[in-house]
PDB file of N, CA and C in Angstrom:
ATOM      1  N   MET A   1       0.916  -0.847  -0.465  1.00  0.00           N
ATOM      2  CA  MET A   1      -0.089  -0.479  -0.537  1.00  0.00           C
ATOM      3  C   MET A   1       0.974   1.111  -0.193  1.00  0.00           C
ATOM      4  N   VAL A   2       0.576   2.104  -1.255  1.00  0.00           N
ATOM      5  CA  VAL A   2       1.440   3.166  -1.018  1.00  0.00           C
ATOM      6  C   VAL A   2       0.278   4.616  -0.661  1.00  0.00           C
ATOM      7  N   LEU A   3       1.417   4.921  -0.088  1.00  0.00           N
ATOM      8  CA  LEU A   3       0.045   5.862   0.968  1.00  0.00           C
ATOM      9  C   LEU A   3       0.518   7.199  -0.027  1.00  0.00           C
ATOM     10  N   THR A   4      -1.043   8.198  -0.323  1.00  0.00           N
ATOM     11  CA  THR A   4      -1.153   9.371  -1.013  1.00  0.00           C
ATOM     12  C   THR A   4      -0.537  10.571   0.076  1.00  0.00           C
ATOM     13  N   SER A   5      -0.408  11.913  -0.529  1.00  0.00           N
ATOM     14  CA  SER A   5      -0.021  12.934   0.113  1.00  0.00           C
ATOM     15  C   SER A   5      -0.798  13.159   1.145  1.00  0.00           C
ATOM     16  N   LYS A   6      -2.261  13.213   1.008  1.00  0.00           N
ATOM     17  CA  LYS A   6      -3.385  13.452   1.549  1.00  0.00           C
ATOM     18  C   LYS A   6      -3.355  12.644   3.127  1.00  0.00           C
ATOM     19  N   GLN A   7      -2.980  11.516   2.644  1.00  0.00           N
ATOM     20  CA  GLN A   7      -3.248  10.324   3.674  1.00  0.00           C
ATOM     21  C   GLN A   7      -1.557  10.552   4.925  1.00  0.00           C
ATOM     22  N   ARG A   8      -0.644  10.630   3.541  1.00  0.00           N
ATOM     23  CA  ARG A   8       1.009  11.418   4.724  1.00  0.00           C
ATOM     24  C   ARG A   8       0.395  12.380   5.836  1.00  0.00           C
ATOM     25  N   ALA A   9      -0.066  13.119   5.135  1.00  0.00           N
ATOM     26  CA  ALA A   9      -0.469  14.693   5.884  1.00  0.00           C
ATOM     27  C   ALA A   9      -1.025  14.306   7.653  1.00  0.00           C
ATOM     28  N   PHE A  10      -2.054  13.230   7.011  1.00  0.00           N
ATOM     29  CA  PHE A  10      -2.865  13.179   7.692  1.00  0.00           C
ATOM     30  C   PHE A  10      -2.421  12.348   9.131  1.00  0.00           C
ATOM     31  N   LEU A  11      -1.897  11.079   8.774  1.00  0.00           N
ATOM     32  CA  LEU A  11      -1.131   9.566   9.615  1.00  0.00           C
ATOM     33  C   LEU A  11       0.000  11.257  10.503  1.00  0.00           C
ATOM     34  N   LYS A  12       0.936  12.221   9.487  1.00  0.00           N
ATOM     35  CA  LYS A  12       1.946  13.153  11.010  1.00  0.00           C
ATOM     36  C   LYS A  12       1.533  13.903  11.539  1.00  0.00           C
ATOM     37  N   SER A  13      -0.277  14.572  10.916  1.00  0.00           N
ATOM     38  CA  SER A  13      -0.421  15.107  12.460  1.00  0.00           C
ATOM     39  C   SER A  13      -0.783  14.139  13.260  1.00  0.00           C
ATOM     40  N   GLU A  14      -1.367  13.071  12.986  1.00  0.00           N
ATOM     41  CA  GLU A  14      -1.752  12.296  13.970  1.00  0.00           C
ATOM     42  C   GLU A  14      -0.647  11.465  15.164  1.00  0.00           C
ATOM     43  N   ALA A  15       0.321  11.408  14.448  1.00  0.00           N
ATOM     44  CA  ALA A  15       1.459  10.761  15.302  1.00  0.00           C
ATOM     45  C   ALA A  15       2.134  11.871  16.036  1.00  0.00           C
ATOM     46  N   HIS A  16       1.721  13.373  15.729  1.00  0.00           N
ATOM     47  CA  HIS A  16       2.530  14.453  16.377  1.00  0.00           C
ATOM     48  C   HIS A  16       2.628  14.084  18.023  1.00  0.00           C
ATOM     49  N   ASP A  17       1.762  13.586  18.659  1.00  0.00           N
ATOM     50  CA  ASP A  17       1.419  13.750  19.971  1.00  0.00           C
ATOM     51  C   ASP A  17       2.052  12.219  20.517  1.00  0.00           C
ATOM     52  N   LEU A  18       2.538  11.070  20.052  1.00  0.00           N
ATOM     53  CA  LEU A  18       2.645  10.184  19.892  1.00  0.00           C
ATOM     54  C   LEU A  18       4.273   9.846  20.870  1.00  0.00           C
ATOM     55  N   LYS A  19       4.256   9.563  21.655  1.00  0.00           N
ATOM     56  CA  LYS A  19       5.628   9.365  22.003  1.00  0.00           C
ATOM     57  C   LYS A  19       6.485   8.062  21.221  1.00  0.00           C
ATOM     58  N   PRO A  20       7.871   7.838  21.330  1.00  0.00           N
ATOM     59  CA  PRO A  20       7.896   6.750  20.478  1.00  0.00           C
ATOM     60  C   PRO A  20       8.065   5.692  21.523  1.00  0.00           C
ATOM     61  N   ILE A  21       7.524   4.838  21.243  1.00  0.00           N
ATOM     62  CA  ILE A  21       7.260   3.464  22.460  1.00  0.00           C
ATOM     63  C   ILE A  21       8.026   2.411  21.788  1.00  0.00           C
ATOM     64  N   ILE A  22       9.475   2.067  20.658  1.00  0.00           N
ATOM     65  CA  ILE A  22      10.275   1.202  20.339  1.00  0.00           C
ATOM     66  C   ILE A  22      11.531   2.224  20.325  1.00  0.00           C
ATOM     67  N   GLN A  23      12.493   2.198  21.389  1.00  0.00           N
ATOM     68  CA  GLN A  23      13.574   2.271  21.054  1.00  0.00           C
ATOM     69  C   GLN A  23      14.995   1.613  20.374  1.00  0.00           C
ATOM     70  N   ILE A  24      15.842   2.067  19.507  1.00  0.00           N
ATOM     71  CA  ILE A  24      17.138   0.922  18.598  1.00  0.00           C
ATOM     72  C   ILE A  24      18.467   1.662  19.331  1.00  0.00           C
ATOM     73  N   GLY A  25      19.164   0.980  20.016  1.00  0.00           N
ATOM     74  CA  GLY A  25      20.404   0.925  20.649  1.00  0.00           C
ATOM     75  C   GLY A  25      21.161   0.371  20.359  1.00  0.00           C
ATOM     76  N   LYS A  26      22.188   0.569  20.813  1.00  0.00           N
ATOM     77  CA  LYS A  26      23.884  -0.624  20.731  1.00  0.00           C
ATOM     78  C   LYS A  26      23.373  -1.953  19.933  1.00  0.00           C
ATOM     79  N   ASN A  27      22.684  -2.741  20.385  1.00  0.00           N
ATOM     80  CA  ASN A  27      22.156  -3.630  19.563  1.00  0.00           C
ATOM     81  C   ASN A  27      21.245  -3.495  17.852  1.00  0.00           C
ATOM     82  N   GLY A  28      21.415  -2.362  17.733  1.00  0.00           N
ATOM     83  CA  GLY A  28      21.171  -2.885  16.531  1.00  0.00           C
ATOM     84  C   GLY A  28      19.588  -3.050  16.047  1.00  0.00           C
ATOM     85  N   LEU A  29      19.066  -2.947  14.952  1.00  0.00           N
ATOM     86  CA  LEU A  29      17.903  -3.583  14.557  1.00  0.00           C
ATOM     87  C   LEU A  29      17.588  -5.396  14.649  1.00  0.00           C
ATOM     88  N   ASN A  30      17.289  -5.640  15.118  1.00  0.00           N
ATOM     89  CA  ASN A  30      17.914  -6.885  15.720  1.00  0.00           C
ATOM     90  C   ASN A  30      15.925  -8.005  16.218  1.00  0.00           C
ATOM     91  N   ASP A  31      15.981  -9.260  15.848  1.00  0.00           N
ATOM     92  CA  ASP A  31      14.421 -10.409  16.045  1.00  0.00           C
ATOM     93  C   ASP A  31      14.009  -9.595  16.947  1.00  0.00           C
ATOM     94  N   PRO A  32      14.428  -9.205  18.288  1.00  0.00           N
ATOM     95  CA  PRO A  32      12.791  -8.672  18.828  1.00  0.00           C
ATOM     96  C   PRO A  32      12.870  -8.241  18.970  1.00  0.00           C
ATOM     97  N   ILE A  33      13.306  -6.516  18.624  1.00  0.00           N
ATOM     98  CA  ILE A  33      12.688  -5.361  18.300  1.00  0.00           C
ATOM     99  C   ILE A  33      12.053  -5.313  17.224  1.00  0.00           C
ATOM    100  N   LYS A  34      12.052  -6.144  16.170  1.00  0.00           N
ATOM    101  CA  LYS A  34      11.252  -6.844  14.886  1.00  0.00           C
ATOM    102  C   LYS A  34      10.174  -7.320  15.186  1.00  0.00           C
ATOM    103  N   THR A  35      10.249  -8.275  16.079  1.00  0.00           N
ATOM    104  CA  THR A  35       9.225  -8.919  16.953  1.00  0.00           C
ATOM    105  C   THR A  35       8.447  -7.475  17.740  1.00  0.00           C
ATOM    106  N   SER A  36       8.693  -6.890  18.482  1.00  0.00           N
ATOM    107  CA  SER A  36       7.649  -6.050  19.076  1.00  0.00           C
ATOM    108  C   SER A  36       7.653  -5.436  18.171  1.00  0.00           C
ATOM    109  N   VAL A  37       8.077  -4.306  17.237  1.00  0.00           N
ATOM    110  CA  VAL A  37       7.757  -3.403  15.918  1.00  0.00           C
ATOM    111  C   VAL A  37       6.020  -3.815  15.049  1.00  0.00           C
ATOM    112  N   ARG A  38       6.386  -5.652  15.105  1.00  0.00           N
ATOM    113  CA  ARG A  38       5.462  -6.195  14.576  1.00  0.00           C
ATOM    114  C   ARG A  38       4.162  -6.038  15.043  1.00  0.00           C
ATOM    115  N   GLN A  39       4.421  -6.048  16.860  1.00  0.00           N
ATOM    116  CA  GLN A  39       3.305  -5.967  17.765  1.00  0.00           C
ATOM    117  C   GLN A  39       2.787  -4.944  18.084  1.00  0.00           C
ATOM    118  N   ALA A  40       3.580  -3.856  18.427  1.00  0.00           N
ATOM    119  CA  ALA A  40       2.795  -2.824  18.208  1.00  0.00           C
ATOM    120  C   ALA A  40       2.387  -2.453  17.618  1.00  0.00           C
ATOM    121  N   LEU A  41       2.663  -2.460  15.840  1.00  0.00           N
ATOM    122  CA  LEU A  41       2.322  -1.881  14.739  1.00  0.00           C
ATOM    123  C   LEU A  41       0.417  -3.167  14.494  1.00  0.00           C
ATOM    124  N   ASP A  42       0.531  -4.189  15.557  1.00  0.00           N
ATOM    125  CA  ASP A  42      -0.673  -4.669  14.798  1.00  0.00           C
ATOM    126  C   ASP A  42      -1.846  -4.134  16.176  1.00  0.00           C
ATOM    127  N   ALA A  43      -1.037  -3.708  17.226  1.00  0.00           N
ATOM    128  CA  ALA A  43      -1.737  -3.006  18.359  1.00  0.00           C
ATOM    129  C   ALA A  43      -2.533  -1.891  17.907  1.00  0.00           C
ATOM    130  N   ARG A  44      -1.558  -0.724  17.188  1.00  0.00           N
ATOM    131  CA  ARG A  44      -1.970   0.805  17.371  1.00  0.00           C
ATOM    132  C   ARG A  44      -1.884   1.616  15.714  1.00  0.00           C
ATOM    133  N   GLU A  45      -1.219   0.715  14.835  1.00  0.00           N
ATOM    134  CA  GLU A  45      -1.191   1.215  13.750  1.00  0.00           C
ATOM    135  C   GLU A  45      -0.102   2.148  12.996  1.00  0.00           C
ATOM    136  N   LEU A  46       0.115   3.391  14.192  1.00  0.00           N
ATOM    137  CA  LEU A  46       0.361   3.929  13.979  1.00  0.00           C
ATOM    138  C   LEU A  46       2.145   4.651  15.620  1.00  0.00           C
ATOM    139  N   ILE A  47       3.217   4.395  14.868  1.00  0.00           N
ATOM    140  CA  ILE A  47       4.243   4.460  16.204  1.00  0.00           C
ATOM    141  C   ILE A  47       4.894   4.777  15.915  1.00  0.00           C
ATOM    142  N   LYS A  48       5.864   5.339  16.865  1.00  0.00           N
ATOM    143  CA  LYS A  48       7.160   6.476  16.109  1.00  0.00           C
ATOM    144  C   LYS A  48       7.899   4.747  16.866  1.00  0.00           C
ATOM    145  N   VAL A  49       9.239   5.369  16.414  1.00  0.00           N
ATOM    146  CA  VAL A  49      10.733   4.352  16.449  1.00  0.00           C
ATOM    147  C   VAL A  49      11.501   5.662  16.602  1.00  0.00           C
ATOM    148  N   THR A  50      12.157   5.351  17.688  1.00  0.00           N
ATOM    149  CA  THR A  50      13.477   6.039  18.174  1.00  0.00           C
ATOM    150  C   THR A  50      15.238   5.495  17.449  1.00  0.00           C
ATOM    151  N   LEU A  51      15.884   5.832  17.110  1.00  0.00           N
ATOM    152  CA  LEU A  51      17.039   5.636  17.261  1.00  0.00           C
ATOM    153  C   LEU A  51      18.281   6.597  18.435  1.00  0.00           C
ATOM    154  N   LEU A  52      18.937   5.479  19.196  1.00  0.00           N
ATOM    155  CA  LEU A  52      19.290   6.284  20.213  1.00  0.00           C
ATOM    156  C   LEU A  52      20.888   6.735  20.003  1.00  0.00           C
ATOM    157  N   GLN A  53      21.762   7.345  20.190  1.00  0.00           N
ATOM    158  CA  GLN A  53      22.355   8.145  20.262  1.00  0.00           C
ATOM    159  C   GLN A  53      24.116   6.855  20.233  1.00  0.00           C
ATOM    160  N   ASN A  54      23.778   5.842  20.750  1.00  0.00           N
ATOM    161  CA  ASN A  54      24.731   5.051  20.681  1.00  0.00           C
ATOM    162  C   ASN A  54      24.516   3.568  19.756  1.00  0.00           C
ATOM    163  N   THR A  55      23.599   3.607  18.410  1.00  0.00           N
ATOM    164  CA  THR A  55      23.059   3.091  17.319  1.00  0.00           C
ATOM    165  C   THR A  55      24.496   3.258  15.927  1.00  0.00           C
ATOM    166  N   ASP A  56      24.265   2.157  15.828  1.00  0.00           N
ATOM    167  CA  ASP A  56      24.844   2.281  14.325  1.00  0.00           C
ATOM    168  C   ASP A  56      24.585   1.982  13.048  1.00  0.00           C
ATOM    169  N   GLU A  57      23.431   1.798  13.585  1.00  0.00           N
ATOM    170  CA  GLU A  57      22.158   2.025  12.842  1.00  0.00           C
ATOM    171  C   GLU A  57      22.141   4.004  11.820  1.00  0.00           C
ATOM    172  N   ASP A  58      21.860   3.174  10.874  1.00  0.00           N
ATOM    173  CA  ASP A  58      21.388   4.037   9.365  1.00  0.00           C
ATOM    174  C   ASP A  58      19.923   4.515   9.704  1.00  0.00           C
ATOM    175  N   ILE A  59      19.328   5.275   9.695  1.00  0.00           N
ATOM    176  CA  ILE A  59      17.255   5.705   9.824  1.00  0.00           C
ATOM    177  C   ILE A  59      17.271   4.605   8.321  1.00  0.00           C
ATOM    178  N   HIS A  60      17.431   5.120   7.330  1.00  0.00           N
ATOM    179  CA  HIS A  60      17.182   4.683   6.309  1.00  0.00           C
ATOM    180  C   HIS A  60      17.455   3.562   5.575  1.00  0.00           C
ATOM    181  N   GLU A  61      18.392   2.221   5.938  1.00  0.00           N
ATOM    182  CA  GLU A  61      18.618   1.513   6.128  1.00  0.00           C
ATOM    183  C   GLU A  61      17.086   0.172   7.247  1.00  0.00           C
ATOM    184  N   VAL A  62      17.426   1.012   8.538  1.00  0.00           N
ATOM    185  CA  VAL A  62      16.337   1.013   9.366  1.00  0.00           C
ATOM    186  C   VAL A  62      14.854   0.571   8.357  1.00  0.00           C
ATOM    187  N   ALA A  63      14.406   1.620   8.032  1.00  0.00           N
ATOM    188  CA  ALA A  63      13.102   1.765   7.798  1.00  0.00           C
ATOM    189  C   ALA A  63      12.916   0.714   6.649  1.00  0.00           C
ATOM    190  N   GLU A  64      13.906   0.761   5.470  1.00  0.00           N
ATOM    191  CA  GLU A  64      13.599   0.064   4.364  1.00  0.00           C
ATOM    192  C   GLU A  64      13.510  -1.762   4.817  1.00  0.00           C
ATOM    193  N   ILE A  65      15.261  -2.059   6.291  1.00  0.00           N
ATOM    194  CA  ILE A  65      14.050  -3.121   6.659  1.00  0.00           C
ATOM    195  C   ILE A  65      13.627  -3.826   7.024  1.00  0.00           C
ATOM    196  N   LEU A  66      12.671  -2.551   7.790  1.00  0.00           N
ATOM    197  CA  LEU A  66      11.047  -2.813   8.573  1.00  0.00           C
ATOM    198  C   LEU A  66      10.088  -2.713   7.330  1.00  0.00           C
ATOM    199  N   GLU A  67      10.450  -2.219   6.364  1.00  0.00           N
ATOM    200  CA  GLU A  67       9.353  -2.134   5.398  1.00  0.00           C
ATOM    201  C   GLU A  67       9.344  -3.078   4.888  1.00  0.00           C
ATOM    202  N   THR A  68      10.087  -4.264   3.888  1.00  0.00           N
ATOM    203  CA  THR A  68      10.340  -5.236   3.291  1.00  0.00           C
ATOM    204  C   THR A  68       9.970  -6.121   4.211  1.00  0.00           C
ATOM    205  N   GLU A  69      10.052  -6.456   5.383  1.00  0.00           N
ATOM    206  CA  GLU A  69      10.693  -7.239   6.159  1.00  0.00           C
ATOM    207  C   GLU A  69       8.548  -7.543   7.461  1.00  0.00           C
ATOM    208  N   ILE A  70       8.532  -6.167   7.515  1.00  0.00           N
ATOM    209  CA  ILE A  70       7.080  -6.448   7.988  1.00  0.00           C
ATOM    210  C   ILE A  70       5.810  -5.806   7.131  1.00  0.00           C
ATOM    211  N   GLY A  71       6.342  -4.979   6.641  1.00  0.00           N
ATOM    212  CA  GLY A  71       5.640  -4.290   5.132  1.00  0.00           C
ATOM    213  C   GLY A  71       4.787  -3.183   6.122  1.00  0.00           C
ATOM    214  N   CYS A  72       5.532  -2.574   6.497  1.00  0.00           N
ATOM    215  CA  CYS A  72       4.486  -1.184   6.701  1.00  0.00           C
ATOM    216  C   CYS A  72       5.060   0.023   5.656  1.00  0.00           C
ATOM    217  N   GLU A  73       4.959   0.587   6.421  1.00  0.00           N
ATOM    218  CA  GLU A  73       4.705   2.458   5.580  1.00  0.00           C
ATOM    219  C   GLU A  73       5.229   3.089   6.310  1.00  0.00           C
ATOM    220  N   THR A  74       6.890   3.846   5.732  1.00  0.00           N
ATOM    221  CA  THR A  74       7.056   4.707   6.599  1.00  0.00           C
ATOM    222  C   THR A  74       6.605   6.240   6.024  1.00  0.00           C
ATOM    223  N   VAL A  75       5.848   7.002   7.400  1.00  0.00           N
ATOM    224  CA  VAL A  75       5.011   7.905   7.218  1.00  0.00           C
ATOM    225  C   VAL A  75       5.980   9.394   6.825  1.00  0.00           C
ATOM    226  N   LEU A  76       7.284   9.187   8.146  1.00  0.00           N
ATOM    227  CA  LEU A  76       7.505  10.342   7.898  1.00  0.00           C
ATOM    228  C   LEU A  76       9.394  10.147   8.943  1.00  0.00           C
ATOM    229  N   ARG A  77      10.746  10.003   8.601  1.00  0.00           N
ATOM    230  CA  ARG A  77      12.065   9.503   8.738  1.00  0.00           C
ATOM    231  C   ARG A  77      12.666  11.869   9.055  1.00  0.00           C
ATOM    232  N   ILE A  78      12.658  11.622  10.240  1.00  0.00           N
ATOM    233  CA  ILE A  78      12.741  12.789  10.598  1.00  0.00           C
ATOM    234  C   ILE A  78      13.778  13.062  12.087  1.00  0.00           C
ATOM    235  N   GLY A  79      15.181  13.462  11.609  1.00  0.00           N
ATOM    236  CA  GLY A  79      16.677  13.289  12.715  1.00  0.00           C
ATOM    237  C   GLY A  79      16.761  11.101  12.926  1.00  0.00           C
ATOM    238  N   ARG A  80      16.688  11.262  14.194  1.00  0.00           N
ATOM    239  CA  ARG A  80      16.378  10.087  14.672  1.00  0.00           C
ATOM    240  C   ARG A  80      15.178   9.367  14.991  1.00  0.00           C
ATOM    241  N   ILE A  81      14.082   9.970  14.400  1.00  0.00           N
ATOM    242  CA  ILE A  81      13.382   9.841  14.321  1.00  0.00           C
ATOM    243  C   ILE A  81      12.162   8.564  13.166  1.00  0.00           C
ATOM    244  N   LEU A  82      11.633   7.481  13.518  1.00  0.00           N
ATOM    245  CA  LEU A  82      10.638   6.722  12.587  1.00  0.00           C
ATOM    246  C   LEU A  82       9.109   7.045  13.466  1.00  0.00           C
ATOM    247  N   ILE A  83       8.565   7.027  11.741  1.00  0.00           N
ATOM    248  CA  ILE A  83       6.992   7.340  11.989  1.00  0.00           C
ATOM    249  C   ILE A  83       6.725   5.960  11.052  1.00  0.00           C
ATOM    250  N   LEU A  84       5.967   4.819  11.480  1.00  0.00           N
ATOM    251  CA  LEU A  84       5.380   3.922  10.908  1.00  0.00           C
ATOM    252  C   LEU A  84       3.931   3.512  10.667  1.00  0.00           C
ATOM    253  N   TYR A  85       3.240   3.439   9.785  1.00  0.00           N
ATOM    254  CA  TYR A  85       2.046   3.070   9.871  1.00  0.00           C
ATOM    255  C   TYR A  85       2.102   2.018   8.854  1.00  0.00           C
ATOM    256  N   LYS A  86       1.357   1.041   9.563  1.00  0.00           N
ATOM    257  CA  LYS A  86       0.624  -0.191   8.812  1.00  0.00           C
ATOM    258  C   LYS A  86      -0.815  -0.824   8.992  1.00  0.00           C
ATOM    259  N   VAL A  87      -1.748  -0.853   8.822  1.00  0.00           N
ATOM    260  CA  VAL A  87      -3.121  -1.507   8.724  1.00  0.00           C
ATOM    261  C   VAL A  87      -3.478  -3.187   9.463  1.00  0.00           C
ATOM    262  N   SER A  88      -4.360  -2.732  10.801  1.00  0.00           N
ATOM    263  CA  SER A  88      -3.691  -3.670  11.871  1.00  0.00           C
ATOM    264  C   SER A  88      -4.690  -5.352  11.441  1.00  0.00           C
ATOM    265  N   ALA A  89      -3.948  -6.268  11.463  1.00  0.00           N
ATOM    266  CA  ALA A  89      -4.798  -7.701  11.387  1.00  0.00           C
ATOM    267  C   ALA A  89      -5.882  -7.946  11.807  1.00  0.00           C
ATOM    268  N   ARG A  90      -6.316  -7.528  13.160  1.00  0.00           N
ATOM    269  CA  ARG A  90      -7.009  -7.737  14.132  1.00  0.00           C
ATOM    270  C   ARG A  90      -8.414  -6.482  13.455  1.00  0.00           C
ATOM    271  N   LYS A  91      -9.751  -7.057  13.377  1.00  0.00           N
ATOM    272  CA  LYS A  91     -10.640  -5.417  12.968  1.00  0.00           C
ATOM    273  C   LYS A  91     -10.653  -4.554  14.285  1.00  0.00           C
ATOM    274  N   GLU A  92     -10.548  -5.406  15.622  1.00  0.00           N
ATOM    275  CA  GLU A  92     -11.555  -4.499  16.678  1.00  0.00           C
ATOM    276  C   GLU A  92      -9.915  -3.526  16.512  1.00  0.00           C
ATOM    277  N   ASN A  93      -8.672  -3.859  15.795  1.00  0.00           N
ATOM    278  CA  ASN A  93      -7.128  -2.748  16.409  1.00  0.00           C
ATOM    279  C   ASN A  93      -7.770  -1.219  15.205  1.00  0.00           C
ATOM    280  N   ARG A  94      -8.352  -1.706  14.021  1.00  0.00           N
ATOM    281  CA  ARG A  94      -8.676  -0.980  12.890  1.00  0.00           C
ATOM    282  C   ARG A  94      -9.565   0.677  13.441  1.00  0.00           C
ATOM    283  N   LYS A  95      -9.013   1.282  13.621  1.00  0.00           N
ATOM    284  CA  LYS A  95      -9.423   2.964  14.490  1.00  0.00           C
ATOM    285  C   LYS A  95      -8.876   3.533  13.596  1.00  0.00           C
ATOM    286  N   LEU A  96      -7.775   3.819  12.386  1.00  0.00           N
ATOM    287  CA  LEU A  96      -6.236   5.056  12.271  1.00  0.00           C
ATOM    288  C   LEU A  96      -6.603   4.616  11.003  1.00  0.00           C
ATOM    289  N   SER A  97      -7.229   3.445  10.467  1.00  0.00           N
ATOM    290  CA  SER A  97      -6.954   2.556   9.174  1.00  0.00           C
ATOM    291  C   SER A  97      -8.516   3.255   8.012  1.00  0.00           C
ATOM    292  N   VAL A  98      -9.231   2.948   9.177  1.00  0.00           N
ATOM    293  CA  VAL A  98     -10.940   3.778   8.636  1.00  0.00           C
ATOM    294  C   VAL A  98     -10.477   4.647   8.002  1.00  0.00           C
ATOM    295  N   LYS A  99      -9.847   5.969   8.659  1.00  0.00           N
ATOM    296  CA  LYS A  99      -9.722   7.567   8.567  1.00  0.00           C
ATOM    297  C   LYS A  99      -9.157   7.097   7.469  1.00  0.00           C
ATOM    298  N   VAL A 100      -7.539   6.457   7.027  1.00  0.00           N
ATOM    299  CA  VAL A 100      -6.968   6.916   6.329  1.00  0.00           C
ATOM    300  C   VAL A 100      -7.498   6.253   5.135  1.00  0.00           C
ATOM    301  N   LYS A 101      -8.599   5.559   5.007  1.00  0.00           N
ATOM    302  CA  LYS A 101      -8.987   4.794   3.123  1.00  0.00           C
ATOM    303  C   LYS A 101      -9.617   5.593   3.085  1.00  0.00           C
ATOM    304  N   SER A 102     -10.609   7.216   3.691  1.00  0.00           N
ATOM    305  CA  SER A 102     -11.711   7.628   3.741  1.00  0.00           C
ATOM    306  C   SER A 102     -10.667   8.819   2.961  1.00  0.00           C
ATOM    307  N   LEU A 103      -9.812   9.105   2.737  1.00  0.00           N
ATOM    308  CA  LEU A 103      -9.347   9.895   2.444  1.00  0.00           C
ATOM    309  C   LEU A 103      -8.443   9.991   0.738  1.00  0.00           C
TER     310      LEU A 103
END
C-alpha cells in the first residue's frame, strides 16, 4: 500500500503527539525489536521508533528493512525518529486505517 500525500499528512498530524514506544540502541535492529515493532503496529497501527545516540544503524536502512520484512509504510523520517504505519491484522484495532482509507 502506497500512501498518498493527503494520507501521509493526516498520519503525520496523528503521530505528532505520540511518544516513541520503541528504541533501537547499541544492539541494533535485531529480531526481538522487529517482533515488538510488528506487535506494536498490530495493536496501534501508527507508532514512533527512535534510534538512540549509541546505535550504529542508519535511519534509512532501518526504515527499508522494516518496510520489507514487516510490510509497514514509513510515514516520516526526521532526525533519528521514524513514524511507521500498517493496517492492523485484527479488526477491533482498525480505528486509524478506516480514516486513512476515506482520504
